Protein backbone atom coordinates (compact mmCIF):
# COMPACT_ATOMS: atom_id res chain seq x y z
CA MET A 1 -0.21 0.02 -0.09
CA LYS A 2 1.49 3.71 -0.95
CA ASN A 3 1.01 6.11 1.30
CA LYS A 4 1.64 10.20 0.86
CA VAL A 5 1.78 12.14 4.18
CA TYR A 6 1.60 15.93 3.99
CA ILE A 7 2.77 17.93 6.87
CA SER A 8 1.05 21.07 7.49
CA ASN A 9 1.14 24.39 9.22
CA ASN A 10 -1.63 26.86 9.50
CA ASN A 11 -3.49 24.81 7.09
CA LYS A 12 -0.48 25.22 4.54
CA ASN A 13 1.26 22.24 3.30
CA ILE A 14 5.26 22.67 4.08
CA ASP A 15 5.96 19.26 3.28
CA TYR A 16 5.05 15.45 2.43
CA PHE A 17 6.72 12.20 2.57
CA GLU A 18 5.65 9.03 0.82
CA TYR A 19 6.13 5.54 2.10
CA ASN A 20 5.18 1.92 1.66
CA LEU A 21 3.55 -0.45 3.98
CA THR A 22 3.46 -4.37 3.04
CA HIS A 23 0.59 -6.00 4.66
CA THR A 24 1.16 -9.79 5.82
CA LEU A 25 -1.51 -11.86 7.47
CA TRP A 26 -0.38 -14.58 9.64
CA ASN A 27 -2.14 -17.58 10.80
CA ASN A 28 -2.79 -17.74 14.42
CA ASN A 29 -1.30 -21.00 15.14
CA VAL A 30 1.78 -19.66 13.27
CA ILE A 31 1.84 -16.87 15.79
CA LYS A 32 1.77 -18.99 18.55
CA ASP A 33 4.52 -21.37 17.45
CA LEU A 34 6.58 -18.49 17.20
CA LEU A 35 5.85 -16.88 20.75
CA GLU A 36 6.20 -20.16 22.24
CA LYS A 37 9.56 -20.87 20.44
CA ASN A 38 10.95 -17.83 21.65
CA ASN A 39 9.96 -18.37 25.52
CA PHE A 40 6.91 -16.46 25.71
CA GLU A 41 3.84 -18.11 27.87
CA ILE A 42 0.39 -17.32 25.88
CA LYS A 43 -1.96 -15.64 28.97
CA LYS A 44 -4.89 -14.61 26.98
CA VAL A 45 -6.33 -13.88 23.30
CA THR A 46 -8.32 -11.09 23.15
CA LYS A 47 -10.80 -9.68 20.28
CA GLY A 48 -8.73 -6.49 18.82
CA PHE A 49 -7.95 -4.10 21.78
CA SER A 50 -10.65 -5.20 24.24
CA ARG A 51 -10.44 -7.52 27.19
CA GLN A 52 -13.12 -10.00 25.95
CA GLU A 53 -11.63 -13.69 24.94
CA ALA A 54 -11.21 -14.04 21.11
CA THR A 55 -12.89 -16.66 19.03
CA GLU A 56 -11.43 -18.55 16.13
CA GLN A 57 -14.00 -16.33 14.09
CA ASP A 58 -12.03 -13.09 15.18
CA PHE A 59 -9.39 -11.78 12.61
CA LYS A 60 -8.27 -8.61 14.56
CA ILE A 61 -6.70 -10.17 17.78
CA THR A 62 -4.58 -9.19 20.32
CA TYR A 63 -2.03 -11.64 22.41
CA VAL A 64 -1.40 -11.21 26.18
CA VAL A 65 2.09 -12.67 26.77
CA LYS A 66 4.70 -13.49 29.27
CA LYS A 67 8.61 -13.47 28.67
CA CYS A 68 9.62 -17.30 30.31
């Protein structure tokens, strides 16, 4: 995804920059394996940034982990 960011001051554009963002979707099992292989204990998996427990149908999830 190509993005262009404008920097403005008093409603006048004074500068800008562009950047590319590569979006990668990771399988839930891959993330879990990587966390466990790198000595993290998964405490909880929640929906997005809420405290509600995630289900298999959720795509926006947050991992609450502890370094072992």
